[in-house]
Structures are given as structure tokens and as C-alpha cells.
Amino acid sequence: MSNVPLARRRLAEIRKTLAGLSAELEQLESMLWRRKVARPRSPVQSAAVDPATAAAIRRYARAHPHKSLQAIAVRFRTNAGRVSEAMQMDR
């Protein structure tokens, strides 16, 4: 998890304490801001993986041990990351 909010708070506290370094701390703090995404995200292309689908993925993978995660993902219209999560029982 990111510590950016904590860093912002601490920099503000330090800036108040050390008035001589205020300008430098302001510059550092401004470097911690991200600009918003310039374009909208792509539409969802992978099917959601519910518990039933995850169980089906695990059964299919056991029956076809030679298949890659990507091949299994194509079969279930999802992505290899979701297949990996299903195999690790994260889904």
C-alpha cells in the first residue's frame, strides 16, 4: 500500500517546524501528486470469475495439465491472471 498520504502529512509538519527549508519541502511535496488519467479506461474484455467459474477452471486445468494459463484463459473468456488466481484458490 502506498505511503504517499503519510508522506504528505509529514512533509507539511516538517515544513512548519523548519521554516528555513519550507520552499524545498513544498517542491518535494508537489512531486508526490499524480495527474489524472488522460483518457478513459478500455472497456472490460474479460469475463468475471465467480466461484463456480473458478471451480470449473480448476477442474479443466487438472484434466488438461499440459495447457498453459493463457490457453485456459481463452477457453473461459478471461485472462491468465484470473486463471492463476483460480488455481491458487484466491478466487
C-alpha atoms as a PDB file:
ATOM      1  CA  MET A   1       0.000   0.000   0.000  1.00  0.00           C
ATOM      2  CA  SER A   2       1.204   3.496  -0.770  1.00  0.00           C
ATOM      3  CA  ASN A   3       2.586   5.812   1.907  1.00  0.00           C
ATOM      4  CA  VAL A   4       2.040   8.966  -0.150  1.00  0.00           C
ATOM      5  CA  PRO A   5      -0.689  10.413   2.148  1.00  0.00           C
ATOM      6  CA  LEU A   6       1.529   9.864   5.182  1.00  0.00           C
ATOM      7  CA  ALA A   7       4.463  11.467   3.355  1.00  0.00           C
ATOM      8  CA  ARG A   8       2.328  14.499   2.526  1.00  0.00           C
ATOM      9  CA  ARG A   9       1.269  14.917   6.157  1.00  0.00           C
ATOM     10  CA  ARG A  10       4.817  14.520   7.484  1.00  0.00           C
ATOM     11  CA  LEU A  11       6.217  16.963   4.928  1.00  0.00           C
ATOM     12  CA  ALA A  12       3.606  19.522   5.965  1.00  0.00           C
ATOM     13  CA  GLU A  13       4.542  19.034   9.633  1.00  0.00           C
ATOM     14  CA  ILE A  14       8.266  19.324   8.909  1.00  0.00           C
ATOM     15  CA  ARG A  15       7.691  22.420   6.752  1.00  0.00           C
ATOM     16  CA  LYS A  16       6.007  24.146   9.683  1.00  0.00           C
ATOM     17  CA  THR A  17       8.824  23.133  12.029  1.00  0.00           C
ATOM     18  CA  LEU A  18      11.688  24.075   9.747  1.00  0.00           C
ATOM     19  CA  ALA A  19      10.696  27.375   8.198  1.00  0.00           C
ATOM     20  CA  GLY A  20      14.108  27.729   6.536  1.00  0.00           C
ATOM     21  CA  LEU A  21      13.515  24.636   4.385  1.00  0.00           C
ATOM     22  CA  SER A  22       9.912  25.452   3.547  1.00  0.00           C
ATOM     23  CA  ALA A  23      10.460  26.140  -0.164  1.00  0.00           C
ATOM     24  CA  GLU A  24      12.368  22.902  -0.716  1.00  0.00           C
ATOM     25  CA  LEU A  25       9.764  20.878   1.165  1.00  0.00           C
ATOM     26  CA  GLU A  26       6.959  22.436  -0.877  1.00  0.00           C
ATOM     27  CA  GLN A  27       8.797  21.433  -4.030  1.00  0.00           C
ATOM     28  CA  LEU A  28       9.186  17.855  -2.772  1.00  0.00           C
ATOM     29  CA  GLU A  29       5.534  17.677  -1.790  1.00  0.00           C
ATOM     30  CA  SER A  30       4.425  18.837  -5.234  1.00  0.00           C
ATOM     31  CA  MET A  31       6.348  15.914  -6.735  1.00  0.00           C
ATOM     32  CA  LEU A  32       4.044  13.474  -4.908  1.00  0.00           C
ATOM     33  CA  TRP A  33       0.896  14.434  -6.811  1.00  0.00           C
ATOM     34  CA  ARG A  34      -0.236  12.402  -9.803  1.00  0.00           C
ATOM     35  CA  ARG A  35      -2.137  13.840 -12.682  1.00  0.00           C
ATOM     36  CA  LYS A  36      -5.409  12.202 -13.593  1.00  0.00           C
ATOM     37  CA  VAL A  37      -5.614   9.626 -16.349  1.00  0.00           C
ATOM     38  CA  ALA A  38      -5.660  11.470 -19.665  1.00  0.00           C
ATOM     39  CA  ARG A  39      -8.063   9.082 -21.345  1.00  0.00           C
ATOM     40  CA  PRO A  40     -10.782   6.746 -20.142  1.00  0.00           C
ATOM     41  CA  ARG A  41     -10.003   3.128 -19.459  1.00  0.00           C
ATOM     42  CA  SER A  42     -10.574   0.475 -22.069  1.00  0.00           C
ATOM     43  CA  PRO A  43     -13.826  -1.444 -21.888  1.00  0.00           C
ATOM     44  CA  VAL A  44     -13.795  -4.690 -19.924  1.00  0.00           C
ATOM     45  CA  GLN A  45     -12.980  -7.585 -22.239  1.00  0.00           C
ATOM     46  CA  SER A  46     -12.596 -10.479 -19.814  1.00  0.00           C
ATOM     47  CA  ALA A  47     -15.488 -12.278 -18.193  1.00  0.00           C
ATOM     48  CA  ALA A  48     -15.778 -12.025 -14.415  1.00  0.00           C
ATOM     49  CA  VAL A  49     -14.732 -15.104 -12.462  1.00  0.00           C
ATOM     50  CA  ASP A  50     -17.278 -16.211  -9.875  1.00  0.00           C
ATOM     51  CA  PRO A  51     -16.752 -19.194  -7.535  1.00  0.00           C
ATOM     52  CA  ALA A  52     -18.471 -21.602  -9.958  1.00  0.00           C
ATOM     53  CA  THR A  53     -16.271 -20.488 -12.852  1.00  0.00           C
ATOM     54  CA  ALA A  54     -13.170 -20.717 -10.660  1.00  0.00           C
ATOM     55  CA  ALA A  55     -14.082 -24.303  -9.768  1.00  0.00           C
ATOM     56  CA  ALA A  56     -14.621 -25.101 -13.455  1.00  0.00           C
ATOM     57  CA  ILE A  57     -11.220 -23.595 -14.283  1.00  0.00           C
ATOM     58  CA  ARG A  58      -9.556 -25.767 -11.627  1.00  0.00           C
ATOM     59  CA  ARG A  59     -11.306 -28.912 -12.926  1.00  0.00           C
ATOM     60  CA  TYR A  60     -10.321 -28.099 -16.515  1.00  0.00           C
ATOM     61  CA  ALA A  61      -6.711 -27.401 -15.529  1.00  0.00           C
ATOM     62  CA  ARG A  62      -6.467 -30.718 -13.659  1.00  0.00           C
ATOM     63  CA  ALA A  63      -7.908 -32.547 -16.683  1.00  0.00           C
ATOM     64  CA  HIS A  64      -5.537 -30.729 -19.080  1.00  0.00           C
ATOM     65  CA  PRO A  65      -2.216 -30.304 -17.227  1.00  0.00           C
ATOM     66  CA  HIS A  66      -0.352 -29.527 -20.468  1.00  0.00           C
ATOM     67  CA  LYS A  67      -2.443 -26.403 -21.181  1.00  0.00           C
ATOM     68  CA  SER A  68      -0.917 -23.014 -20.438  1.00  0.00           C
ATOM     69  CA  LEU A  69      -2.672 -20.427 -18.278  1.00  0.00           C
ATOM     70  CA  GLN A  70      -3.284 -18.371 -21.410  1.00  0.00           C
ATOM     71  CA  ALA A  71      -4.907 -21.315 -23.231  1.00  0.00           C
ATOM     72  CA  ILE A  72      -7.182 -21.944 -20.251  1.00  0.00           C
ATOM     73  CA  ALA A  73      -7.994 -18.232 -20.064  1.00  0.00           C
ATOM     74  CA  VAL A  74      -9.040 -18.187 -23.724  1.00  0.00           C
ATOM     75  CA  ARG A  75     -11.282 -21.214 -23.129  1.00  0.00           C
ATOM     76  CA  PHE A  76     -13.056 -19.438 -20.237  1.00  0.00           C
ATOM     77  CA  ARG A  77     -13.018 -15.959 -21.863  1.00  0.00           C
ATOM     78  CA  THR A  78     -10.995 -14.408 -19.061  1.00  0.00           C
ATOM     79  CA  ASN A  79      -7.332 -13.510 -18.607  1.00  0.00           C
ATOM     80  CA  ALA A  80      -4.362 -15.546 -17.405  1.00  0.00           C
ATOM     81  CA  GLY A  81      -4.193 -13.595 -14.146  1.00  0.00           C
ATOM     82  CA  ARG A  82      -7.720 -14.667 -13.213  1.00  0.00           C
ATOM     83  CA  VAL A  83      -6.859 -18.273 -14.099  1.00  0.00           C
ATOM     84  CA  SER A  84      -3.791 -18.062 -11.870  1.00  0.00           C
ATOM     85  CA  GLU A  85      -5.919 -16.685  -9.023  1.00  0.00           C
ATOM     86  CA  ALA A  86      -8.446 -19.502  -9.504  1.00  0.00           C
ATOM     87  CA  MET A  87      -5.649 -22.080  -9.426  1.00  0.00           C
ATOM     88  CA  GLN A  88      -4.225 -20.564  -6.221  1.00  0.00           C
ATOM     89  CA  MET A  89      -7.730 -20.519  -4.671  1.00  0.00           C
ATOM     90  CA  ASP A  90      -7.656 -16.709  -4.498  1.00  0.00           C
ATOM     91  CA  ARG A  91     -10.960 -16.610  -6.415  1.00  0.00           C
END
